[in-house]
Structure formats: C-alpha cells, structure tokens
C-alpha cells in the first residue's frame, strides 16, 4: 500500500494503523459518503441506516 502524503492533516492513523479521515477532509470533499466515518461532519450514523 502506498503511503499517502498528509500535508494538510487530512487524516491520521488510529491505534490499529488504519487511516482515519479528519473532519476537515470531509468538509473539503463536500459531501457525505454514508460509510459511517468516525469524523463525519454531516451527522450521518451508519447504524441509523441499518434500523430503517
């Protein structure tokens, strides 16, 4: 796996070594991907989708 550059602090690595995108990254992208991201600024919760 390539190691992406992180000049703008768009992500960090969690304790398991997985990439976690920042709130700022999501806002720059401009929409919710509905994947249940940890730092989602769009107030989306994947578990809510499962119960519908």
C-alpha atoms as a PDB file:
ATOM      1  CA  UNK A   1       0.000   0.000   0.000  1.00  0.00           C
ATOM      2  CA  UNK A   2       1.311   3.439  -0.886  1.00  0.00           C
ATOM      3  CA  UNK A   3       1.775   5.885   1.946  1.00  0.00           C
ATOM      4  CA  UNK A   4      -0.329   8.947   1.023  1.00  0.00           C
ATOM      5  CA  UNK A   5       1.040  12.399   1.746  1.00  0.00           C
ATOM      6  CA  UNK A   6      -0.575  14.298   4.591  1.00  0.00           C
ATOM      7  CA  UNK A   7       0.427  17.906   4.061  1.00  0.00           C
ATOM      8  CA  UNK A   8      -2.874  19.353   5.280  1.00  0.00           C
ATOM      9  CA  UNK A   9      -3.647  16.897   8.102  1.00  0.00           C
ATOM     10  CA  UNK A  10      -6.458  15.296   6.105  1.00  0.00           C
ATOM     11  CA  UNK A  11      -6.075  12.035   8.005  1.00  0.00           C
ATOM     12  CA  UNK A  12      -4.335  10.297  10.868  1.00  0.00           C
ATOM     13  CA  UNK A  13      -3.558   6.703  11.775  1.00  0.00           C
ATOM     14  CA  UNK A  14      -5.571   5.078  14.558  1.00  0.00           C
ATOM     15  CA  UNK A  15      -4.204   2.619  17.113  1.00  0.00           C
ATOM     16  CA  UNK A  16      -4.698  -0.258  14.651  1.00  0.00           C
ATOM     17  CA  UNK A  17      -2.741   1.535  11.917  1.00  0.00           C
ATOM     18  CA  UNK A  18      -5.826   2.355   9.834  1.00  0.00           C
ATOM     19  CA  UNK A  19      -6.250   5.712   8.120  1.00  0.00           C
ATOM     20  CA  UNK A  20      -8.976   7.900   9.656  1.00  0.00           C
ATOM     21  CA  UNK A  21     -10.012  10.961   7.645  1.00  0.00           C
ATOM     22  CA  UNK A  22     -10.377  14.251   9.514  1.00  0.00           C
ATOM     23  CA  UNK A  23     -13.456  16.448   9.687  1.00  0.00           C
ATOM     24  CA  UNK A  24     -11.582  18.977   7.540  1.00  0.00           C
ATOM     25  CA  UNK A  25     -11.032  16.355   4.827  1.00  0.00           C
ATOM     26  CA  UNK A  26     -14.739  15.538   4.705  1.00  0.00           C
ATOM     27  CA  UNK A  27     -15.675  19.223   4.519  1.00  0.00           C
ATOM     28  CA  UNK A  28     -13.188  19.772   1.661  1.00  0.00           C
ATOM     29  CA  UNK A  29     -14.693  16.792  -0.183  1.00  0.00           C
ATOM     30  CA  UNK A  30     -18.101  18.438   0.183  1.00  0.00           C
ATOM     31  CA  UNK A  31     -20.488  15.518   0.693  1.00  0.00           C
ATOM     32  CA  UNK A  32     -21.202  12.525   2.910  1.00  0.00           C
ATOM     33  CA  UNK A  33     -20.162   9.123   1.554  1.00  0.00           C
ATOM     34  CA  UNK A  34     -22.535   7.359   4.005  1.00  0.00           C
ATOM     35  CA  UNK A  35     -19.837   4.955   5.159  1.00  0.00           C
ATOM     36  CA  UNK A  36     -20.181   5.845   8.835  1.00  0.00           C
ATOM     37  CA  UNK A  37     -16.875   7.692   9.057  1.00  0.00           C
ATOM     38  CA  UNK A  38     -15.645   8.436  12.577  1.00  0.00           C
ATOM     39  CA  UNK A  39     -15.270  12.194  11.951  1.00  0.00           C
ATOM     40  CA  UNK A  40     -18.271  12.760   9.671  1.00  0.00           C
ATOM     41  CA  UNK A  41     -19.343  16.423   9.883  1.00  0.00           C
ATOM     42  CA  UNK A  42     -22.630  15.641   8.131  1.00  0.00           C
ATOM     43  CA  UNK A  43     -24.173  13.909  11.172  1.00  0.00           C
ATOM     44  CA  UNK A  44     -24.555  10.581   9.366  1.00  0.00           C
ATOM     45  CA  UNK A  45     -24.621   7.452  11.520  1.00  0.00           C
ATOM     46  CA  UNK A  46     -24.442   4.129   9.685  1.00  0.00           C
ATOM     47  CA  UNK A  47     -26.271   2.277  12.463  1.00  0.00           C
ATOM     48  CA  UNK A  48     -29.297   4.562  11.923  1.00  0.00           C
ATOM     49  CA  UNK A  49     -29.427   3.409   8.291  1.00  0.00           C
ATOM     50  CA  UNK A  50     -29.455  -0.256   9.341  1.00  0.00           C
ATOM     51  CA  UNK A  51     -32.517   0.185  11.581  1.00  0.00           C
ATOM     52  CA  UNK A  52     -34.577   1.884   8.871  1.00  0.00           C
END
